[in-house]
């Protein structure tokens, strides 16, 4: 079994950080945290991450994912070169 050196370990971390799956996780987590803040403010107390997570999944996840897929599928136009 190969031994992980600090150099190998940091390379693995960079690979994970750049993966599309990890980027998707971070974006979804950010939306859940926003939902937690909004709902906590509305109710006047901290609802906690788990309640926010379950509520967000039930109410918003499908539409958020569809919008995100559409956004990622649309190519970003390159700025026109100025002469």
PDB file of N, CA and C in Angstrom:
ATOM      1  N   UNK A   1       0.855  -1.176   0.000  1.00  0.00           N
ATOM      2  CA  UNK A   1       0.000   0.000   0.000  1.00  0.00           C
ATOM      3  C   UNK A   1       0.897   1.234   0.000  1.00  0.00           C
ATOM      4  N   UNK A   2       0.653   2.198  -0.941  1.00  0.00           N
ATOM      5  CA  UNK A   2       1.515   3.375  -1.009  1.00  0.00           C
ATOM      6  C   UNK A   2       1.279   4.303   0.172  1.00  0.00           C
ATOM      7  N   UNK A   3       2.345   4.933   0.597  1.00  0.00           N
ATOM      8  CA  UNK A   3       2.271   5.896   1.695  1.00  0.00           C
ATOM      9  C   UNK A   3       1.994   7.272   1.116  1.00  0.00           C
ATOM     10  N   UNK A   4       1.050   7.980   1.720  1.00  0.00           N
ATOM     11  CA  UNK A   4       0.751   9.324   1.273  1.00  0.00           C
ATOM     12  C   UNK A   4       1.735  10.305   1.893  1.00  0.00           C
ATOM     13  N   UNK A   5       2.396  11.026   1.058  1.00  0.00           N
ATOM     14  CA  UNK A   5       3.294  12.074   1.537  1.00  0.00           C
ATOM     15  C   UNK A   5       2.513  13.379   1.558  1.00  0.00           C
ATOM     16  N   UNK A   6       3.001  14.390   2.276  1.00  0.00           N
ATOM     17  CA  UNK A   6       2.294  15.671   2.280  1.00  0.00           C
ATOM     18  C   UNK A   6       2.093  16.222   0.866  1.00  0.00           C
ATOM     19  N   UNK A   7       3.054  15.998  -0.003  1.00  0.00           N
ATOM     20  CA  UNK A   7       2.954  16.482  -1.371  1.00  0.00           C
ATOM     21  C   UNK A   7       1.821  15.758  -2.115  1.00  0.00           C
ATOM     22  N   UNK A   8       1.750  14.464  -1.975  1.00  0.00           N
ATOM     23  CA  UNK A   8       0.693  13.682  -2.603  1.00  0.00           C
ATOM     24  C   UNK A   8      -0.663  14.070  -2.037  1.00  0.00           C
ATOM     25  N   UNK A   9      -0.724  14.244  -0.731  1.00  0.00           N
ATOM     26  CA  UNK A   9      -1.966  14.606  -0.059  1.00  0.00           C
ATOM     27  C   UNK A   9      -2.472  15.963  -0.539  1.00  0.00           C
ATOM     28  N   UNK A  10      -1.592  16.963  -0.674  1.00  0.00           N
ATOM     29  CA  UNK A  10      -2.024  18.281  -1.124  1.00  0.00           C
ATOM     30  C   UNK A  10      -2.457  18.234  -2.587  1.00  0.00           C
ATOM     31  N   UNK A  11      -1.815  17.403  -3.393  1.00  0.00           N
ATOM     32  CA  UNK A  11      -2.239  17.226  -4.780  1.00  0.00           C
ATOM     33  C   UNK A  11      -3.620  16.621  -4.867  1.00  0.00           C
ATOM     34  N   UNK A  12      -3.922  15.686  -3.992  1.00  0.00           N
ATOM     35  CA  UNK A  12      -5.249  15.069  -3.947  1.00  0.00           C
ATOM     36  C   UNK A  12      -6.294  16.090  -3.542  1.00  0.00           C
ATOM     37  N   UNK A  13      -5.946  16.933  -2.572  1.00  0.00           N
ATOM     38  CA  UNK A  13      -6.878  17.976  -2.124  1.00  0.00           C
ATOM     39  C   UNK A  13      -7.207  18.943  -3.257  1.00  0.00           C
ATOM     40  N   UNK A  14      -6.191  19.332  -4.008  1.00  0.00           N
ATOM     41  CA  UNK A  14      -6.407  20.248  -5.131  1.00  0.00           C
ATOM     42  C   UNK A  14      -7.293  19.603  -6.194  1.00  0.00           C
ATOM     43  N   UNK A  15      -7.077  18.332  -6.456  1.00  0.00           N
ATOM     44  CA  UNK A  15      -7.899  17.614  -7.428  1.00  0.00           C
ATOM     45  C   UNK A  15      -9.362  17.615  -6.982  1.00  0.00           C
ATOM     46  N   UNK A  16      -9.596  17.346  -5.703  1.00  0.00           N
ATOM     47  CA  UNK A  16     -10.961  17.317  -5.173  1.00  0.00           C
ATOM     48  C   UNK A  16     -11.585  18.703  -5.260  1.00  0.00           C
ATOM     49  N   UNK A  17     -10.842  19.746  -4.878  1.00  0.00           N
ATOM     50  CA  UNK A  17     -11.377  21.107  -4.903  1.00  0.00           C
ATOM     51  C   UNK A  17     -11.776  21.532  -6.308  1.00  0.00           C
ATOM     52  N   UNK A  18     -11.099  21.010  -7.314  1.00  0.00           N
ATOM     53  CA  UNK A  18     -11.386  21.389  -8.692  1.00  0.00           C
ATOM     54  C   UNK A  18     -12.447  20.500  -9.342  1.00  0.00           C
ATOM     55  N   UNK A  19     -12.847  19.443  -8.677  1.00  0.00           N
ATOM     56  CA  UNK A  19     -13.817  18.524  -9.281  1.00  0.00           C
ATOM     57  C   UNK A  19     -15.194  19.179  -9.356  1.00  0.00           C
ATOM     58  N   UNK A  20     -15.928  18.837 -10.398  1.00  0.00           N
ATOM     59  CA  UNK A  20     -17.264  19.411 -10.580  1.00  0.00           C
ATOM     60  C   UNK A  20     -18.213  18.953  -9.470  1.00  0.00           C
ATOM     61  N   UNK A  21     -18.028  17.752  -8.976  1.00  0.00           N
ATOM     62  CA  UNK A  21     -18.874  17.246  -7.896  1.00  0.00           C
ATOM     63  C   UNK A  21     -18.690  18.079  -6.632  1.00  0.00           C
ATOM     64  N   UNK A  22     -17.442  18.403  -6.308  1.00  0.00           N
ATOM     65  CA  UNK A  22     -17.172  19.217  -5.124  1.00  0.00           C
ATOM     66  C   UNK A  22     -17.709  20.632  -5.318  1.00  0.00           C
ATOM     67  N   UNK A  23     -17.558  21.185  -6.506  1.00  0.00           N
ATOM     68  CA  UNK A  23     -18.083  22.524  -6.787  1.00  0.00           C
ATOM     69  C   UNK A  23     -19.603  22.540  -6.641  1.00  0.00           C
ATOM     70  N   UNK A  24     -20.251  21.482  -7.088  1.00  0.00           N
ATOM     71  CA  UNK A  24     -21.710  21.364  -6.949  1.00  0.00           C
ATOM     72  C   UNK A  24     -22.104  21.290  -5.475  1.00  0.00           C
ATOM     73  N   UNK A  25     -21.355  20.514  -4.708  1.00  0.00           N
ATOM     74  CA  UNK A  25     -21.598  20.406  -3.265  1.00  0.00           C
ATOM     75  C   UNK A  25     -21.493  21.775  -2.596  1.00  0.00           C
ATOM     76  N   UNK A  26     -20.439  22.528  -2.915  1.00  0.00           N
ATOM     77  CA  UNK A  26     -20.242  23.846  -2.309  1.00  0.00           C
ATOM     78  C   UNK A  26     -21.368  24.812  -2.675  1.00  0.00           C
ATOM     79  N   UNK A  27     -21.796  24.787  -3.929  1.00  0.00           N
ATOM     80  CA  UNK A  27     -22.875  25.676  -4.362  1.00  0.00           C
ATOM     81  C   UNK A  27     -24.187  25.327  -3.654  1.00  0.00           C
ATOM     82  N   UNK A  28     -24.464  24.043  -3.531  1.00  0.00           N
ATOM     83  CA  UNK A  28     -25.687  23.609  -2.860  1.00  0.00           C
ATOM     84  C   UNK A  28     -25.635  23.963  -1.373  1.00  0.00           C
ATOM     85  N   UNK A  29     -24.500  23.761  -0.763  1.00  0.00           N
ATOM     86  CA  UNK A  29     -24.331  24.093   0.656  1.00  0.00           C
ATOM     87  C   UNK A  29     -24.559  25.584   0.897  1.00  0.00           C
ATOM     88  N   UNK A  30     -24.051  26.411  -0.009  1.00  0.00           N
ATOM     89  CA  UNK A  30     -24.238  27.859   0.107  1.00  0.00           C
ATOM     90  C   UNK A  30     -25.721  28.230   0.053  1.00  0.00           C
ATOM     91  N   UNK A  31     -26.469  27.578  -0.841  1.00  0.00           N
ATOM     92  CA  UNK A  31     -27.906  27.829  -0.933  1.00  0.00           C
ATOM     93  C   UNK A  31     -28.633  27.402   0.335  1.00  0.00           C
ATOM     94  N   UNK A  32     -28.225  26.288   0.905  1.00  0.00           N
ATOM     95  CA  UNK A  32     -28.842  25.805   2.147  1.00  0.00           C
ATOM     96  C   UNK A  32     -28.559  26.782   3.281  1.00  0.00           C
ATOM     97  N   UNK A  33     -27.344  27.292   3.351  1.00  0.00           N
ATOM     98  CA  UNK A  33     -27.005  28.268   4.395  1.00  0.00           C
ATOM     99  C   UNK A  33     -27.790  29.571   4.231  1.00  0.00           C
ATOM    100  N   UNK A  34     -28.010  29.994   2.991  1.00  0.00           N
ATOM    101  CA  UNK A  34     -28.847  31.180   2.743  1.00  0.00           C
ATOM    102  C   UNK A  34     -30.271  30.916   3.220  1.00  0.00           C
ATOM    103  N   UNK A  35     -30.781  29.734   2.880  1.00  0.00           N
ATOM    104  CA  UNK A  35     -32.139  29.356   3.289  1.00  0.00           C
ATOM    105  C   UNK A  35     -32.243  29.321   4.813  1.00  0.00           C
ATOM    106  N   UNK A  36     -31.232  28.789   5.460  1.00  0.00           N
ATOM    107  CA  UNK A  36     -31.206  28.738   6.926  1.00  0.00           C
ATOM    108  C   UNK A  36     -31.280  30.141   7.514  1.00  0.00           C
ATOM    109  N   UNK A  37     -30.509  31.057   6.942  1.00  0.00           N
ATOM    110  CA  UNK A  37     -30.498  32.430   7.446  1.00  0.00           C
ATOM    111  C   UNK A  37     -31.863  33.089   7.249  1.00  0.00           C
ATOM    112  N   UNK A  38     -32.421  32.961   6.039  1.00  0.00           N
ATOM    113  CA  UNK A  38     -33.712  33.590   5.738  1.00  0.00           C
ATOM    114  C   UNK A  38     -34.810  33.042   6.646  1.00  0.00           C
ATOM    115  N   UNK A  39     -34.876  31.729   6.767  1.00  0.00           N
ATOM    116  CA  UNK A  39     -35.920  31.123   7.596  1.00  0.00           C
ATOM    117  C   UNK A  39     -35.722  31.421   9.083  1.00  0.00           C
ATOM    118  N   UNK A  40     -34.489  31.448   9.524  1.00  0.00           N
ATOM    119  CA  UNK A  40     -34.204  31.777  10.924  1.00  0.00           C
ATOM    120  C   UNK A  40     -34.622  33.211  11.228  1.00  0.00           C
ATOM    121  N   UNK A  41     -34.338  34.129  10.309  1.00  0.00           N
ATOM    122  CA  UNK A  41     -34.761  35.522  10.486  1.00  0.00           C
ATOM    123  C   UNK A  41     -36.280  35.619  10.507  1.00  0.00           C
ATOM    124  N   UNK A  42     -36.933  34.913   9.591  1.00  0.00           N
ATOM    125  CA  UNK A  42     -38.389  34.952   9.503  1.00  0.00           C
ATOM    126  C   UNK A  42     -39.051  34.432  10.777  1.00  0.00           C
ATOM    127  N   UNK A  43     -38.486  33.371  11.345  1.00  0.00           N
ATOM    128  CA  UNK A  43     -39.074  32.752  12.531  1.00  0.00           C
ATOM    129  C   UNK A  43     -38.581  33.355  13.840  1.00  0.00           C
ATOM    130  N   UNK A  44     -37.499  34.132  13.768  1.00  0.00           N
ATOM    131  CA  UNK A  44     -37.001  34.802  14.969  1.00  0.00           C
ATOM    132  C   UNK A  44     -36.083  33.948  15.827  1.00  0.00           C
ATOM    133  N   UNK A  45     -35.630  32.809  15.299  1.00  0.00           N
ATOM    134  CA  UNK A  45     -34.680  31.970  16.029  1.00  0.00           C
ATOM    135  C   UNK A  45     -33.936  31.083  15.038  1.00  0.00           C
ATOM    136  N   UNK A  46     -32.775  30.610  15.442  1.00  0.00           N
ATOM    137  CA  UNK A  46     -31.956  29.752  14.583  1.00  0.00           C
ATOM    138  C   UNK A  46     -32.648  28.408  14.401  1.00  0.00           C
ATOM    139  N   UNK A  47     -32.917  28.049  13.158  1.00  0.00           N
ATOM    140  CA  UNK A  47     -33.610  26.780  12.907  1.00  0.00           C
ATOM    141  C   UNK A  47     -32.651  25.601  12.815  1.00  0.00           C
ATOM    142  N   UNK A  48     -31.361  25.868  12.722  1.00  0.00           N
ATOM    143  CA  UNK A  48     -30.375  24.800  12.651  1.00  0.00           C
ATOM    144  C   UNK A  48     -30.184  24.295  11.226  1.00  0.00           C
ATOM    145  N   UNK A  49     -29.010  23.751  10.986  1.00  0.00           N
ATOM    146  CA  UNK A  49     -28.662  23.322   9.635  1.00  0.00           C
ATOM    147  C   UNK A  49     -29.526  22.155   9.155  1.00  0.00           C
ATOM    148  N   UNK A  50     -29.761  21.178  10.006  1.00  0.00           N
ATOM    149  CA  UNK A  50     -30.507  19.992   9.570  1.00  0.00           C
ATOM    150  C   UNK A  50     -31.927  20.346   9.138  1.00  0.00           C
ATOM    151  N   UNK A  51     -32.605  21.177   9.914  1.00  0.00           N
ATOM    152  CA  UNK A  51     -33.965  21.578   9.541  1.00  0.00           C
ATOM    153  C   UNK A  51     -33.946  22.386   8.245  1.00  0.00           C
ATOM    154  N   UNK A  52     -32.963  23.287   8.121  1.00  0.00           N
ATOM    155  CA  UNK A  52     -32.839  24.083   6.899  1.00  0.00           C
ATOM    156  C   UNK A  52     -32.570  23.182   5.695  1.00  0.00           C
ATOM    157  N   UNK A  53     -31.697  22.211   5.870  1.00  0.00           N
ATOM    158  CA  UNK A  53     -31.364  21.272   4.812  1.00  0.00           C
ATOM    159  C   UNK A  53     -32.607  20.535   4.328  1.00  0.00           C
ATOM    160  N   UNK A  54     -33.340  19.940   5.253  1.00  0.00           N
ATOM    161  CA  UNK A  54     -34.524  19.160   4.880  1.00  0.00           C
ATOM    162  C   UNK A  54     -35.588  20.038   4.240  1.00  0.00           C
ATOM    163  N   UNK A  55     -35.782  21.244   4.773  1.00  0.00           N
ATOM    164  CA  UNK A  55     -36.761  22.173   4.231  1.00  0.00           C
ATOM    165  C   UNK A  55     -36.364  22.621   2.822  1.00  0.00           C
ATOM    166  N   UNK A  56     -35.083  22.939   2.632  1.00  0.00           N
ATOM    167  CA  UNK A  56     -34.591  23.382   1.324  1.00  0.00           C
ATOM    168  C   UNK A  56     -34.714  22.272   0.285  1.00  0.00           C
ATOM    169  N   UNK A  57     -34.379  21.043   0.684  1.00  0.00           N
ATOM    170  CA  UNK A  57     -34.500  19.911  -0.243  1.00  0.00           C
ATOM    171  C   UNK A  57     -35.953  19.752  -0.679  1.00  0.00           C
ATOM    172  N   UNK A  58     -36.846  19.822   0.273  1.00  0.00           N
ATOM    173  CA  UNK A  58     -38.266  19.613  -0.017  1.00  0.00           C
ATOM    174  C   UNK A  58     -38.846  20.733  -0.881  1.00  0.00           C
ATOM    175  N   UNK A  59     -38.449  21.980  -0.615  1.00  0.00           N
ATOM    176  CA  UNK A  59     -39.071  23.119  -1.285  1.00  0.00           C
ATOM    177  C   UNK A  59     -38.318  23.646  -2.507  1.00  0.00           C
ATOM    178  N   UNK A  60     -36.983  23.535  -2.520  1.00  0.00           N
ATOM    179  CA  UNK A  60     -36.225  24.283  -3.517  1.00  0.00           C
ATOM    180  C   UNK A  60     -35.213  23.487  -4.343  1.00  0.00           C
ATOM    181  N   UNK A  61     -34.813  22.329  -3.906  1.00  0.00           N
ATOM    182  CA  UNK A  61     -33.693  21.636  -4.541  1.00  0.00           C
ATOM    183  C   UNK A  61     -33.912  21.337  -6.026  1.00  0.00           C
ATOM    184  N   UNK A  62     -35.059  20.792  -6.390  1.00  0.00           N
ATOM    185  CA  UNK A  62     -35.303  20.425  -7.782  1.00  0.00           C
ATOM    186  C   UNK A  62     -35.221  21.632  -8.711  1.00  0.00           C
ATOM    187  N   UNK A  63     -35.885  22.726  -8.339  1.00  0.00           N
ATOM    188  CA  UNK A  63     -35.863  23.916  -9.199  1.00  0.00           C
ATOM    189  C   UNK A  63     -34.480  24.556  -9.221  1.00  0.00           C
ATOM    190  N   UNK A  64     -33.773  24.542  -8.080  1.00  0.00           N
ATOM    191  CA  UNK A  64     -32.417  25.101  -8.039  1.00  0.00           C
ATOM    192  C   UNK A  64     -31.489  24.307  -8.956  1.00  0.00           C
ATOM    193  N   UNK A  65     -31.573  22.991  -8.902  1.00  0.00           N
ATOM    194  CA  UNK A  65     -30.722  22.156  -9.756  1.00  0.00           C
ATOM    195  C   UNK A  65     -31.034  22.366 -11.239  1.00  0.00           C
ATOM    196  N   UNK A  66     -32.305  22.470 -11.580  1.00  0.00           N
ATOM    197  CA  UNK A  66     -32.676  22.694 -12.982  1.00  0.00           C
ATOM    198  C   UNK A  66     -32.133  24.040 -13.464  1.00  0.00           C
ATOM    199  N   UNK A  67     -32.277  25.072 -12.641  1.00  0.00           N
ATOM    200  CA  UNK A  67     -31.761  26.398 -13.006  1.00  0.00           C
ATOM    201  C   UNK A  67     -30.242  26.377 -13.115  1.00  0.00           C
ATOM    202  N   UNK A  68     -29.596  25.673 -12.223  1.00  0.00           N
ATOM    203  CA  UNK A  68     -28.126  25.596 -12.257  1.00  0.00           C
ATOM    204  C   UNK A  68     -27.653  24.840 -13.506  1.00  0.00           C
ATOM    205  N   UNK A  69     -28.324  23.747 -13.842  1.00  0.00           N
ATOM    206  CA  UNK A  69     -27.961  23.002 -15.054  1.00  0.00           C
ATOM    207  C   UNK A  69     -28.110  23.883 -16.287  1.00  0.00           C
ATOM    208  N   UNK A  70     -29.206  24.640 -16.342  1.00  0.00           N
ATOM    209  CA  UNK A  70     -29.441  25.530 -17.481  1.00  0.00           C
ATOM    210  C   UNK A  70     -28.361  26.610 -17.544  1.00  0.00           C
ATOM    211  N   UNK A  71     -28.006  27.149 -16.397  1.00  0.00           N
ATOM    212  CA  UNK A  71     -26.983  28.194 -16.336  1.00  0.00           C
ATOM    213  C   UNK A  71     -25.627  27.648 -16.773  1.00  0.00           C
ATOM    214  N   UNK A  72     -25.278  26.469 -16.310  1.00  0.00           N
ATOM    215  CA  UNK A  72     -23.988  25.879 -16.660  1.00  0.00           C
ATOM    216  C   UNK A  72     -23.940  25.432 -18.116  1.00  0.00           C
ATOM    217  N   UNK A  73     -25.088  25.116 -18.706  1.00  0.00           N
ATOM    218  CA  UNK A  73     -25.136  24.668 -20.092  1.00  0.00           C
ATOM    219  C   UNK A  73     -25.033  25.829 -21.077  1.00  0.00           C
ATOM    220  N   UNK A  74     -25.378  27.028 -20.625  1.00  0.00           N
ATOM    221  CA  UNK A  74     -25.309  28.200 -21.484  1.00  0.00           C
ATOM    222  C   UNK A  74     -23.881  28.708 -21.522  1.00  0.00           C
ATOM    223  N   UNK A  75     -23.272  28.718 -22.720  1.00  0.00           N
ATOM    224  CA  UNK A  75     -21.887  29.192 -22.791  1.00  0.00           C
ATOM    225  C   UNK A  75     -21.796  30.687 -22.496  1.00  0.00           C
ATOM    226  N   UNK A  76     -20.748  31.057 -21.798  1.00  0.00           N
ATOM    227  CA  UNK A  76     -20.507  32.458 -21.490  1.00  0.00           C
ATOM    228  C   UNK A  76     -19.829  33.095 -22.697  1.00  0.00           C
ATOM    229  N   UNK A  77     -20.429  34.173 -23.237  1.00  0.00           N
ATOM    230  CA  UNK A  77     -19.803  34.796 -24.408  1.00  0.00           C
ATOM    231  C   UNK A  77     -18.465  35.441 -24.040  1.00  0.00           C
ATOM    232  N   UNK A  78     -17.519  35.317 -24.942  1.00  0.00           N
ATOM    233  CA  UNK A  78     -16.216  35.929 -24.739  1.00  0.00           C
ATOM    234  C   UNK A  78     -16.315  37.414 -25.079  1.00  0.00           C
ATOM    235  N   UNK A  79     -15.575  38.249 -24.337  1.00  0.00           N
ATOM    236  CA  UNK A  79     -15.608  39.681 -24.661  1.00  0.00           C
ATOM    237  C   UNK A  79     -15.002  39.906 -26.038  1.00  0.00           C
ATOM    238  N   UNK A  80     -15.585  40.856 -26.751  1.00  0.00           N
ATOM    239  CA  UNK A  80     -15.072  41.154 -28.082  1.00  0.00           C
ATOM    240  C   UNK A  80     -13.733  41.863 -27.993  1.00  0.00           C
ATOM    241  N   UNK A  81     -12.852  41.517 -28.901  1.00  0.00           N
ATOM    242  CA  UNK A  81     -11.526  42.157 -28.923  1.00  0.00           C
ATOM    243  C   UNK A  81     -11.658  43.576 -29.454  1.00  0.00           C
ATOM    244  N   UNK A  82     -10.978  44.496 -28.804  1.00  0.00           N
ATOM    245  CA  UNK A  82     -10.990  45.892 -29.237  1.00  0.00           C
ATOM    246  C   UNK A  82      -9.731  46.144 -30.061  1.00  0.00           C
ATOM    247  N   UNK A  83      -9.912  46.857 -31.148  1.00  0.00           N
ATOM    248  CA  UNK A  83      -8.764  47.145 -32.009  1.00  0.00           C
ATOM    249  C   UNK A  83      -8.199  48.496 -31.726  1.00  0.00           C
TER     250      UNK A  83
END
